[in-house]
Protein backbone atom coordinates (compact mmCIF):
# COMPACT_ATOMS: atom_id res chain seq x y z
CA MET A 1 12.44 -8.28 19.31
CA LYS A 2 12.65 -4.53 18.67
CA VAL A 3 12.10 -3.15 15.14
CA LEU A 4 12.65 0.34 14.00
CA PHE A 5 10.84 1.53 10.65
CA ARG A 6 12.27 4.16 8.47
CA VAL A 7 9.44 5.45 6.31
CA GLU A 8 7.82 8.61 5.05
CA GLY A 9 4.24 9.51 4.08
CA ASN A 10 3.11 12.96 3.09
CA HIS A 11 1.15 14.92 0.42
CA ALA A 12 3.95 14.49 -2.18
CA ILE A 13 4.42 10.73 -1.91
CA GLY A 14 1.16 9.58 -0.45
CA LEU A 15 0.78 7.22 2.51
CA GLY A 16 1.22 3.84 0.86
CA HIS A 17 4.65 3.07 2.42
CA ILE A 18 3.41 4.13 5.92
CA MET A 19 0.34 2.02 5.59
CA ARG A 20 2.46 -1.03 4.55
CA CYS A 21 4.82 -0.47 7.49
CA LEU A 22 1.88 -0.10 9.83
CA ALA A 23 0.40 -3.44 8.84
CA LEU A 24 3.66 -5.09 9.54
CA ALA A 25 4.03 -3.23 12.91
CA GLN A 26 0.53 -4.31 13.87
CA SER A 27 1.54 -7.90 13.52
CA LEU A 28 4.73 -7.25 15.43
CA VAL A 29 2.82 -5.63 18.32
CA ALA A 30 0.19 -8.47 18.29
CA GLN A 31 3.02 -10.85 18.79
CA ARG A 32 4.48 -8.73 21.68
CA HIS A 33 7.41 -7.24 19.89
CA GLU A 34 8.36 -3.60 20.21
CA VAL A 35 8.19 -1.10 17.28
CA ILE A 36 9.59 2.40 16.64
CA PHE A 37 9.14 4.77 13.70
CA ALA A 38 11.63 7.23 12.49
CA ILE A 39 10.02 9.82 10.24
CA SER A 40 10.71 13.50 9.22
CA GLU A 41 8.94 16.46 10.53
CA ARG A 42 7.30 16.85 7.17
CA SER A 43 5.55 13.68 7.49
CA LEU A 44 4.77 13.86 11.17
CA PRO A 45 1.37 15.50 11.07
CA LEU A 46 -0.01 12.82 8.69
CA CYS A 47 1.69 9.76 10.38
CA GLN A 48 1.61 10.41 14.08
CA SER A 49 -2.11 9.81 14.79
CA ARG A 50 -1.77 6.39 13.22
CA VAL A 51 1.89 5.54 14.43
CA VAL A 52 1.78 6.82 18.02
CA ILE A 53 -0.77 4.06 19.10
CA LEU A 54 1.75 1.46 18.20
CA GLY A 55 5.08 2.58 19.52
CA LYS A 56 7.67 5.24 19.82
CA VAL A 57 8.12 7.94 17.21
CA VAL A 58 11.60 9.30 16.51
CA THR A 59 11.67 12.51 14.51
CA LEU A 60 14.64 13.12 12.14
CA PRO A 61 16.50 16.49 12.80
CA ASN A 62 16.22 19.20 10.34
CA SER A 63 19.83 18.95 9.38
CA PHE A 64 22.57 16.40 9.95
CA SER A 65 26.27 16.97 11.05
CA ASP A 66 26.99 13.68 9.19
CA SER A 67 24.72 11.76 6.81
CA GLU A 68 21.26 10.59 7.47
CA ALA A 69 22.35 7.03 7.33
CA GLN A 70 25.02 7.68 10.04
CA TRP A 71 22.31 9.18 12.31
CA LEU A 72 19.94 6.39 11.70
CA THR A 73 22.63 3.90 12.52
CA LYS A 74 23.25 5.52 15.79
CA GLN A 75 19.68 5.58 16.71
CA CYS A 76 19.50 1.83 15.96
CA GLU A 77 22.49 1.20 18.15
CA ASP A 78 21.38 3.47 21.09
CA LEU A 79 17.86 1.98 21.00
CA ALA A 80 19.26 -1.61 20.90
CA VAL A 81 17.23 -2.34 17.73
CA ASP A 82 17.30 -5.93 16.29
CA TRP A 83 15.90 -4.95 12.83
CA LEU A 84 15.77 -1.84 10.77
CA VAL A 85 12.97 -1.89 8.17
CA LEU A 86 13.36 0.54 5.10
CA ASP A 87 10.41 1.37 2.99
CA GLY A 88 10.78 4.25 0.36
CA TYR A 89 12.21 4.80 -2.95
CA GLU A 90 14.51 7.59 -1.63
CA PHE A 91 16.54 5.03 0.24
CA GLN A 92 18.95 4.24 -2.53
CA GLN A 93 21.97 1.88 -2.94
CA ASP A 94 24.55 4.21 -1.32
CA TYR A 95 22.14 4.75 1.62
CA ARG A 96 21.53 1.07 2.18
CA PHE A 97 25.28 0.36 1.99
CA ALA A 98 26.05 2.84 4.75
CA LEU A 99 23.58 0.99 7.03
CA ARG A 100 25.45 -2.25 6.93
CA SER A 101 25.84 -3.31 10.54
CA ALA A 102 26.93 -6.05 12.80
CA VAL A 103 24.74 -4.89 15.49
CA PHE A 104 21.23 -4.91 13.82
CA LYS A 105 19.80 -6.42 10.74
CA LEU A 106 18.29 -4.66 7.65
CA ALA A 107 15.08 -5.45 5.99
CA VAL A 108 14.06 -3.70 2.77
CA PHE A 109 10.69 -3.43 1.15
CA ASP A 110 11.15 -3.63 -2.64
CA ASP A 111 8.74 -3.68 -5.54
CA ILE A 112 10.69 -4.23 -8.94
CA ASN A 113 14.36 -4.63 -7.96
CA ASP A 114 15.68 -1.88 -10.04
CA SER A 115 17.75 0.07 -7.52
CA GLY A 116 21.10 -1.82 -7.42
CA ALA A 117 22.52 -3.88 -4.57
CA LEU A 118 19.97 -4.10 -1.57
CA TYR A 119 22.57 -4.90 1.12
CA ALA A 120 19.67 -6.45 2.89
CA ASP A 121 19.32 -9.37 5.41
CA LEU A 122 15.76 -9.61 4.48
CA VAL A 123 13.90 -8.65 1.24
CA ILE A 124 10.10 -8.17 1.35
CA ASN A 125 7.87 -8.18 -1.81
CA GLY A 126 4.44 -9.60 -1.62
CA ALA A 127 3.60 -9.24 -5.40
CA PRO A 128 2.36 -12.11 -7.39
CA ASN A 129 5.30 -14.07 -8.92
CA ALA A 130 7.88 -11.73 -7.19
CA GLU A 131 10.07 -14.77 -6.75
CA LEU A 132 10.63 -14.51 -10.44
CA ILE A 133 12.56 -11.15 -9.94
CA ASN A 134 16.27 -11.82 -9.61
CA TYR A 135 16.98 -10.98 -6.08
CA GLN A 136 19.74 -13.72 -6.04
CA GLN A 137 21.95 -11.05 -7.89
CA THR A 138 20.95 -7.99 -5.74
CA ALA A 139 20.58 -9.65 -2.33
CA ALA A 140 22.45 -12.92 -2.60
CA ASN A 141 22.71 -13.49 1.18
CA ALA A 142 19.36 -12.25 2.03
CA VAL A 143 16.34 -14.22 3.30
CA LEU A 144 13.51 -13.64 0.73
CA ALA A 145 9.95 -12.96 1.82
CA VAL A 146 8.77 -12.68 -1.60
CA GLY A 147 5.53 -13.90 -3.36
CA GLU A 148 1.83 -13.95 -2.21
CA TYR A 149 2.55 -15.96 0.90
CA TYR A 150 4.27 -12.74 2.30
CA ARG A 151 1.70 -10.25 1.09
CA ILE A 152 1.07 -7.77 3.97
CA LEU A 153 -2.62 -6.84 4.82
CA ARG A 154 -4.07 -5.02 7.71
CA PRO A 155 -5.97 -7.13 10.19
CA GLU A 156 -9.30 -5.73 9.02
CA PHE A 157 -8.78 -7.53 5.59
CA LEU A 158 -7.95 -10.79 7.18
CA GLN A 159 -10.86 -10.84 9.50
CA LEU A 160 -13.66 -10.38 6.76
CA ALA A 161 -16.47 -12.58 7.44
CA ASP A 162 -18.67 -11.83 4.30
CA LYS A 163 -17.16 -11.50 0.83
CA SER A 164 -20.49 -12.54 -0.93
CA TRP A 165 -21.75 -10.83 -4.09
CA SER A 166 -25.27 -9.90 -2.75
CA GLY A 167 -25.40 -6.74 -1.13
CA ARG A 168 -22.90 -5.03 -3.33
CA ASN A 169 -24.49 -2.04 -4.97
CA CYS A 170 -21.83 0.77 -5.61
CA MET A 171 -18.84 1.92 -7.53
CA THR A 172 -15.98 3.08 -5.33
CA LEU A 173 -13.29 5.61 -6.33
CA MET A 174 -10.13 5.60 -4.37
CA PHE A 175 -6.83 7.13 -5.65
CA GLY A 176 -4.50 6.75 -2.66
CA GLY A 177 -3.60 8.80 0.32
CA SER A 178 -2.80 12.07 -1.61
CA ASP A 179 -4.23 11.51 -5.20
CA PRO A 180 -1.57 14.06 -6.62
CA LEU A 181 -3.14 14.05 -10.02
CA ASN A 182 -6.60 14.75 -8.55
CA LEU A 183 -8.11 11.82 -10.42
CA THR A 184 -11.00 11.99 -8.11
CA MET A 185 -12.48 15.34 -9.39
CA SER A 186 -11.59 14.54 -13.05
CA LEU A 187 -13.48 11.18 -13.06
CA LEU A 188 -16.41 12.55 -11.12
CA ASN A 189 -16.81 15.42 -13.57
CA LEU A 190 -16.99 12.97 -16.43
CA LEU A 191 -19.25 10.50 -14.70
CA GLU A 192 -21.72 13.37 -13.84
CA LYS A 193 -21.84 14.11 -17.64
CA SER A 194 -22.76 10.50 -18.47
CA ALA A 195 -26.36 9.32 -18.60
CA LEU A 196 -25.56 6.62 -16.14
CA SER A 197 -26.83 6.60 -12.59
CA MET A 198 -25.31 4.44 -9.79
CA PRO A 199 -24.42 4.92 -6.09
CA ILE A 200 -20.86 6.10 -5.82
CA VAL A 201 -18.50 6.04 -2.81
CA VAL A 202 -15.65 8.44 -3.06
CA ILE A 203 -12.77 7.76 -0.44
CA THR A 204 -9.96 10.34 -0.10
CA GLY A 205 -7.00 9.91 1.83
CA ALA A 206 -5.60 12.01 4.72
CA ALA A 207 -3.01 13.63 2.45
CA TYR A 208 -5.64 14.66 -0.29
CA GLY A 209 -4.84 18.19 -1.13
CA HIS A 210 -8.14 19.25 -2.88
CA LEU A 211 -10.53 18.43 -0.09
CA ALA A 212 -12.25 21.88 0.15
CA ASN A 213 -12.74 21.98 -3.73
CA LEU A 214 -14.20 18.52 -3.70
CA GLU A 215 -16.58 19.16 -0.70
CA LYS A 216 -17.94 22.27 -2.46
CA TRP A 217 -18.41 20.39 -5.73
CA LEU A 218 -20.29 17.72 -3.94
CA THR A 219 -22.91 20.31 -2.72
CA THR A 220 -24.16 20.85 -6.33
CA SER A 221 -23.56 17.40 -7.88
CA THR A 222 -26.40 15.34 -9.23
CA LEU A 223 -24.74 12.11 -8.58
CA ALA A 224 -25.58 9.94 -5.57
CA ILE A 225 -22.34 10.18 -3.74
CA GLN A 226 -21.05 9.19 -0.31
CA HIS A 227 -17.77 10.83 0.53
CA LEU A 228 -15.47 9.12 3.05
CA HIS A 229 -12.32 11.16 3.99
CA ASP A 230 -9.51 9.31 5.70
CA CYS A 231 -11.65 6.24 5.95
CA GLN A 232 -11.07 4.02 8.91
CA HIS A 233 -13.20 0.99 7.82
CA MET A 234 -11.98 0.32 4.36
CA ALA A 235 -12.63 -3.50 4.34
CA GLU A 236 -16.20 -2.96 5.21
CA VAL A 237 -16.77 -0.57 2.34
CA LEU A 238 -14.90 -2.57 -0.31
CA SER A 239 -16.78 -5.72 0.58
CA LYS A 240 -19.86 -3.91 -0.34
CA THR A 241 -18.43 -2.56 -3.68
CA CYS A 242 -19.47 -3.98 -7.14
CA LEU A 243 -16.61 -2.11 -8.93
CA ALA A 244 -13.57 -0.21 -7.41
CA VAL A 245 -11.65 2.24 -9.54
CA SER A 246 -8.37 2.55 -7.60
CA ALA A 247 -4.73 3.62 -7.68
CA ALA A 248 -2.61 0.52 -8.04
CA GLY A 249 -0.07 -0.36 -5.22
CA GLY A 250 -0.99 -1.69 -1.86
CA ALA A 251 -4.69 -0.92 -2.36
CA GLN A 252 -4.93 -3.66 -5.00
CA PHE A 253 -4.10 -6.35 -2.35
CA GLU A 254 -6.78 -5.06 -0.22
CA LEU A 255 -9.35 -5.06 -3.03
CA LEU A 256 -8.26 -8.74 -3.71
CA ALA A 257 -8.74 -9.75 -0.18
CA CYS A 258 -12.39 -8.34 -0.37
CA ALA A 259 -12.93 -10.09 -3.70
CA THR A 260 -13.82 -6.74 -5.22
CA PRO A 261 -13.74 -6.30 -9.07
CA ALA A 262 -11.44 -3.39 -9.93
CA ILE A 263 -9.82 -1.19 -12.63
CA LEU A 264 -6.35 -0.36 -11.27
CA LEU A 265 -4.55 2.72 -12.39
CA VAL A 266 -0.77 2.52 -12.71
CA THR A 267 0.82 5.87 -11.90
CA ALA A 268 4.33 4.81 -11.42
CA LYS A 269 6.67 2.08 -12.95
CA ASN A 270 7.05 0.30 -9.63
CA GLN A 271 3.44 -0.58 -9.62
CA LEU A 272 3.21 -2.12 -13.14
CA PHE A 273 4.63 -5.65 -12.47
CA ALA A 274 2.28 -6.43 -9.53
CA SER A 275 -0.67 -4.91 -11.56
CA GLN A 276 -0.07 -6.84 -14.57
CA GLN A 277 0.18 -10.15 -12.66
CA ALA A 278 -3.08 -9.21 -10.94
CA ALA A 279 -4.89 -8.60 -14.28
CA GLN A 280 -3.66 -12.12 -15.33
CA GLN A 281 -5.54 -13.55 -12.31
CA GLY A 282 -8.80 -12.27 -13.84
CA TRP A 283 -10.29 -10.15 -11.16
CA CYS A 284 -9.24 -6.69 -12.44
CA GLU A 285 -8.34 -4.58 -15.31
CA VAL A 286 -5.33 -2.28 -15.57
CA ILE A 287 -4.82 1.10 -17.08
CA ASN A 288 -1.55 3.00 -17.38
CA ILE A 289 -2.80 6.57 -16.59
CA GLU A 290 0.22 8.00 -18.48
CA GLN A 291 -0.93 6.26 -21.73
CA THR A 292 -4.70 6.69 -21.19
CA SER A 293 -6.90 9.77 -21.17
CA ILE A 294 -9.20 10.43 -18.27
CA THR A 295 -12.09 10.33 -20.85
CA ALA A 296 -11.04 6.84 -21.89
CA LEU A 297 -10.91 5.92 -18.27
CA ALA A 298 -14.51 7.19 -17.71
CA GLU A 299 -15.69 5.26 -20.65
CA GLN A 300 -14.09 2.14 -19.39
CA CYS A 301 -15.66 2.47 -15.89
CA ILE A 302 -19.14 2.98 -17.44
CA ASN A 303 -18.74 0.13 -19.84
CA LEU A 304 -17.63 -2.30 -16.99
CA TRP A 305 -20.41 -1.08 -14.75
CA GLN A 306 -22.92 -2.08 -17.37
CA GLN A 307 -21.71 -5.73 -17.56
CA PRO A 308 -22.90 -7.12 -14.17
CA GLN A 309 -22.32 -10.74 -15.20
CA LYS A 310 -18.61 -9.90 -16.06
CA LEU A 311 -18.35 -8.10 -12.70
CA GLN A 312 -19.68 -11.12 -10.93
CA HIS A 313 -17.19 -13.44 -12.77
CA MET A 314 -14.37 -11.09 -11.75
CA HIS A 315 -15.54 -11.38 -8.22
CA GLN A 316 -15.67 -15.21 -8.38
CA GLN A 317 -12.10 -15.30 -9.79
CA ALA A 318 -10.93 -13.27 -6.87
CA LEU A 319 -12.64 -15.78 -4.40
CA THR A 320 -10.42 -18.55 -5.91
CA LEU A 321 -7.18 -16.74 -4.66
CA THR A 322 -5.92 -17.46 -1.19
CA THR A 323 -5.50 -14.56 1.31
CA HIS A 324 -2.40 -15.15 3.34
CA ASP A 325 -1.26 -13.50 6.66
CA GLY A 326 1.87 -12.31 5.11
CA ALA A 327 2.88 -9.93 8.01
CA LYS A 328 2.73 -12.89 10.33
CA HIS A 329 4.96 -14.85 8.22
CA ILE A 330 7.50 -12.15 7.89
CA VAL A 331 7.57 -11.52 11.65
CA GLU A 332 8.27 -15.25 11.96
CA LEU A 333 11.16 -15.10 9.52
CA MET A 334 12.67 -12.02 11.34
CA ALA A 335 12.47 -13.91 14.64
CA GLN A 336 13.94 -17.18 13.24
CA ASP A 337 16.82 -15.33 11.61
CA LEU A 338 17.81 -13.76 14.88
CA VAL A 339 17.73 -17.13 16.66
CA SER A 340 19.79 -18.75 13.85
CA ASP A 341 22.68 -16.22 14.51
CA LYS A 342 22.96 -17.07 18.24
């Protein structure tokens, strides 16, 4: 089976879509399938070091004689692709409509089903209770890989041997691949002004645009901070974390896999549904950053940190929830769907 991913990751949109596709690609490669990534020149510097080890990279031209969808269709046909996977909010209804093909199948990552008809053969949404979203209306003929059974995690989160509470001693701050609001610096400044002292791990992504300012600030900070940039061992770090303050999105599923109590910050409407469902499970709290001041966020972090029994209870709630190898299950669906057409 040959699968082409059309996805972007850069300073403007972060790396969430890329990381989600990479996790699925890793599962495909592990099952001896071939993967290809189609990305723009803008995203190439941040993506290539992670993508190139998995498969071929096709770079989009700077301009098109026809539409991008027409170019992408030709790439899929020339490369004899079995599946095209779309992950990104820029790939709207008209774009998806133009990709309908009798030669290859279309899989679409979706979060809240708010962009019209999907024109997909397979819909992927691993959020809790995603089966309650009305995909029967927007993708009536599609195979649905929705709900927690199809939640995609990178292998390091599926292979964790130790999720115990003992040995956890730090607060971890992580605001995505780019942290466009620079929540990292804002929250650190407020935590430093508090009288509280705790070990802090700060994780910044490869697309973080304020790295030089942060590194300069850290040289004079009185906080006990370990800074990890473009961290390559996230599962190990999160499994040693008492409380994570994190951007919502794909990171929340990684936190759950590590049974790590968290405050999730919703920065976009597509994150709200999954985050609210997670809060109902009892292992995290949710803040809509558009409706909450950074001062209130800092106060909530400090308040929760000072309640170790509550944090341990949140950890125990997370342990009751099953971690599925959703990527493997999706690959199986993709292969089965091809067989059923023969």
